[in-house]
Amino acid sequence: MLEPRKISEDVSLRILRPSDAAALAAAYVRNRDHLAPWEPVRPEEYYTEDWQSADIVGRLATHEIGTGHPFGLFAGGSLVGRFNLAGIVRGPFQNAALGYWVDGQYAGRGLASAAVRALVDMARDELGLHRIEAGTLLHNVGSQRVLLKSGFVQFGMAPQYLQIAGSWQDHNLFQILLHG
């Protein structure tokens, strides 16, 4: 079981719970404009408690079988970010993909970097993973800084990697090797 991690005096990272659905929906509504350039186009239902509840339940199913871990970032009891270790592959690969965002009101305070470092430690020490990968839009300098500060290195660029903000966009690819 992945235990909650204290990021700073009043900020912690923990596995999302079904009871977090309303707070997560509110965070997405609050950050809709802030996140729009970095995420896929979302249907209106995405911003509802029902959608987020179903999503959390689905992600908790991956948590139970060890192929994904959905985290919430909480400041003073409020949900202010989301971090996911997803697509975990075992066997000879021992790999996960990292995705994350932080509430626009909390951006630039080092919380994303601290949370990513905590997830790197968890992935290495508790999950026994060998590698974590992450992709950023070419112009997402803030996210690239977070990854580089956390020990990731850029290893490539993927043309038209994901459909973000309504168009297929190139992504810089980053990785961190956790063992040997």
Protein backbone atom coordinates (compact mmCIF):
# COMPACT_ATOMS: atom_id res chain seq x y z
CA MET A 1 0.00 0.00 0.00
CA LEU A 2 1.35 3.38 -0.98
CA GLU A 3 1.18 5.59 2.10
CA PRO A 4 0.49 9.34 1.92
CA ARG A 5 3.60 11.49 1.54
CA LYS A 6 4.10 14.86 3.13
CA ILE A 7 5.42 17.29 0.50
CA SER A 8 5.65 20.34 2.76
CA GLU A 9 4.19 21.44 6.06
CA ASP A 10 0.60 21.58 4.78
CA VAL A 11 0.84 19.73 1.43
CA SER A 12 0.54 15.97 0.98
CA LEU A 13 0.26 13.42 -1.81
CA ARG A 14 -2.01 10.41 -1.44
CA ILE A 15 -3.97 7.88 -3.47
CA LEU A 16 -7.30 9.33 -4.58
CA ARG A 17 -10.48 8.02 -2.97
CA PRO A 18 -14.02 7.90 -4.35
CA SER A 19 -14.91 10.58 -1.79
CA ASP A 20 -12.50 12.95 -3.62
CA ALA A 21 -14.71 13.12 -6.74
CA ALA A 22 -16.45 16.39 -5.86
CA ALA A 23 -13.16 18.09 -4.96
CA LEU A 24 -11.53 16.79 -8.15
CA ALA A 25 -14.42 18.01 -10.30
CA ALA A 26 -14.24 21.42 -8.60
CA ALA A 27 -10.47 21.56 -9.20
CA TYR A 28 -10.96 20.78 -12.89
CA VAL A 29 -13.66 23.47 -13.18
CA ARG A 30 -11.45 25.98 -11.35
CA ASN A 31 -8.47 25.13 -13.60
CA ARG A 32 -10.30 24.64 -16.88
CA ASP A 33 -8.60 27.57 -18.65
CA HIS A 34 -5.25 26.91 -16.95
CA LEU A 35 -5.19 23.27 -18.12
CA ALA A 36 -6.78 23.71 -21.58
CA PRO A 37 -3.48 24.25 -23.50
CA TRP A 38 -1.94 21.11 -21.96
CA GLU A 39 -4.76 18.56 -22.09
CA PRO A 40 -7.10 16.86 -24.57
CA VAL A 41 -10.38 18.59 -25.35
CA ARG A 42 -12.78 17.37 -22.68
CA PRO A 43 -16.55 16.80 -22.94
CA GLU A 44 -18.69 18.90 -20.59
CA GLU A 45 -19.47 15.82 -18.50
CA TYR A 46 -15.77 15.54 -17.62
CA TYR A 47 -16.17 18.48 -15.24
CA THR A 48 -18.85 16.78 -13.16
CA GLU A 49 -18.63 14.84 -9.93
CA ASP A 50 -20.22 11.81 -11.62
CA TRP A 51 -17.54 11.67 -14.33
CA GLN A 52 -14.71 12.12 -11.85
CA SER A 53 -16.21 9.52 -9.52
CA ALA A 54 -16.34 6.94 -12.31
CA ASP A 55 -12.79 7.86 -13.35
CA ILE A 56 -11.46 7.49 -9.81
CA VAL A 57 -13.18 4.09 -9.44
CA GLY A 58 -11.62 2.94 -12.73
CA ARG A 59 -8.19 4.16 -11.73
CA LEU A 60 -8.50 2.53 -8.31
CA ALA A 61 -9.12 -0.76 -10.11
CA THR A 62 -5.72 -0.34 -11.80
CA HIS A 63 -4.26 0.53 -8.39
CA GLU A 64 -5.61 -2.72 -6.94
CA ILE A 65 -3.92 -4.80 -9.66
CA GLY A 66 -0.75 -2.70 -9.66
CA THR A 67 -0.89 -1.23 -13.17
CA GLY A 68 -1.62 2.35 -12.16
CA HIS A 69 -1.67 4.64 -9.14
CA PRO A 70 -3.85 7.80 -9.05
CA PHE A 71 -2.69 10.46 -6.61
CA GLY A 72 -4.18 13.70 -5.41
CA LEU A 73 -2.09 16.61 -4.20
CA PHE A 74 -3.70 18.27 -1.18
CA ALA A 75 -2.89 21.64 0.42
CA GLY A 76 -4.59 22.41 3.69
CA GLY A 77 -7.17 19.73 2.91
CA SER A 78 -7.99 21.11 -0.58
CA LEU A 79 -7.24 19.12 -3.72
CA VAL A 80 -4.73 21.20 -5.72
CA GLY A 81 -3.29 18.72 -8.20
CA ARG A 82 -3.37 15.31 -9.74
CA PHE A 83 -0.48 12.92 -10.37
CA ASN A 84 -0.70 9.53 -12.05
CA LEU A 85 1.67 6.64 -12.45
CA ALA A 86 -0.05 4.75 -15.25
CA GLY A 87 0.52 1.97 -17.75
CA ILE A 88 2.78 0.07 -15.38
CA VAL A 89 4.37 -2.88 -17.13
CA ARG A 90 6.18 -5.53 -15.12
CA GLY A 91 8.42 -8.34 -16.31
CA PRO A 92 11.63 -7.23 -18.02
CA PHE A 93 10.34 -3.64 -18.55
CA GLN A 94 9.38 -2.48 -15.00
CA ASN A 95 8.16 0.85 -16.41
CA ALA A 96 5.48 3.47 -15.70
CA ALA A 97 4.27 6.64 -17.38
CA LEU A 98 3.95 9.80 -15.29
CA GLY A 99 1.34 12.49 -15.79
CA TYR A 100 0.51 15.44 -13.56
CA TRP A 101 -0.89 18.93 -13.13
CA VAL A 102 -0.98 21.48 -10.33
CA ASP A 103 -3.71 24.04 -9.66
CA GLY A 104 -2.87 27.37 -11.31
CA GLN A 105 -3.05 29.11 -7.92
CA TYR A 106 -0.27 26.83 -6.63
CA ALA A 107 1.93 26.74 -9.72
CA GLY A 108 5.49 28.01 -9.43
CA ARG A 109 5.88 27.08 -5.74
CA GLY A 110 7.91 23.91 -6.27
CA LEU A 111 5.03 21.60 -5.37
CA ALA A 112 5.09 19.71 -8.66
CA SER A 113 8.83 19.11 -8.37
CA ALA A 114 8.48 17.91 -4.77
CA ALA A 115 5.57 15.64 -5.66
CA VAL A 116 7.40 14.18 -8.68
CA ARG A 117 10.46 13.48 -6.50
CA ALA A 118 8.21 11.74 -3.95
CA LEU A 119 6.68 9.61 -6.72
CA VAL A 120 10.14 8.73 -8.05
CA ASP A 121 11.10 7.55 -4.56
CA MET A 122 7.87 5.51 -4.25
CA ALA A 123 8.33 3.99 -7.70
CA ARG A 124 11.89 2.93 -6.88
CA ASP A 125 11.59 1.96 -3.21
CA GLU A 126 8.03 0.63 -2.90
CA LEU A 127 7.03 -0.42 -6.41
CA GLY A 128 10.43 -1.71 -7.55
CA LEU A 129 10.19 0.00 -10.93
CA HIS A 130 13.23 0.47 -13.14
CA ARG A 131 12.09 3.42 -15.25
CA ILE A 132 9.51 6.22 -15.39
CA GLU A 133 8.77 8.08 -18.58
CA ALA A 134 6.95 11.36 -19.16
CA GLY A 135 6.14 13.52 -22.17
CA THR A 136 5.67 17.26 -22.40
CA LEU A 137 4.56 19.55 -25.16
CA LEU A 138 7.58 21.19 -26.78
CA HIS A 139 6.59 24.58 -25.38
CA ASN A 140 5.73 23.39 -21.85
CA VAL A 141 8.93 24.71 -20.32
CA GLY A 142 7.50 24.66 -16.79
CA SER A 143 6.80 20.94 -16.89
CA GLN A 144 10.19 20.27 -18.47
CA ARG A 145 11.85 22.12 -15.57
CA VAL A 146 9.91 20.00 -13.08
CA LEU A 147 11.14 16.80 -14.73
CA LEU A 148 14.75 17.95 -15.09
CA LYS A 149 14.86 19.11 -11.43
CA SER A 150 13.56 15.68 -10.44
CA GLY A 151 16.34 13.80 -12.24
CA PHE A 152 14.67 13.03 -15.57
CA VAL A 153 16.62 13.38 -18.81
CA GLN A 154 15.26 14.07 -22.25
CA PHE A 155 15.78 11.13 -24.57
CA GLY A 156 13.80 12.07 -27.64
CA MET A 157 10.98 13.87 -29.37
CA ALA A 158 7.82 12.16 -30.61
CA PRO A 159 6.10 13.84 -33.56
CA GLN A 160 2.31 14.17 -33.28
CA TYR A 161 2.44 12.14 -30.06
CA LEU A 162 -0.88 13.11 -28.45
CA GLN A 163 -3.97 15.04 -29.41
CA ILE A 164 -3.82 18.03 -27.07
CA ALA A 165 -6.03 21.13 -27.20
CA GLY A 166 -7.66 19.76 -30.34
CA SER A 167 -4.58 19.01 -32.48
CA TRP A 168 -1.89 16.34 -32.74
CA GLN A 169 1.16 17.81 -31.05
CA ASP A 170 4.82 16.91 -30.79
CA HIS A 171 6.15 15.99 -27.35
CA ASN A 172 9.58 15.93 -25.75
CA LEU A 173 10.14 12.56 -24.08
CA PHE A 174 11.82 12.25 -20.70
CA GLN A 175 12.83 9.32 -18.53
CA ILE A 176 14.46 8.54 -15.24
CA LEU A 177 16.20 5.25 -14.57
CA LEU A 178 15.63 4.13 -10.98
CA HIS A 179 17.95 1.13 -10.73
CA GLY A 180 21.34 0.27 -12.04
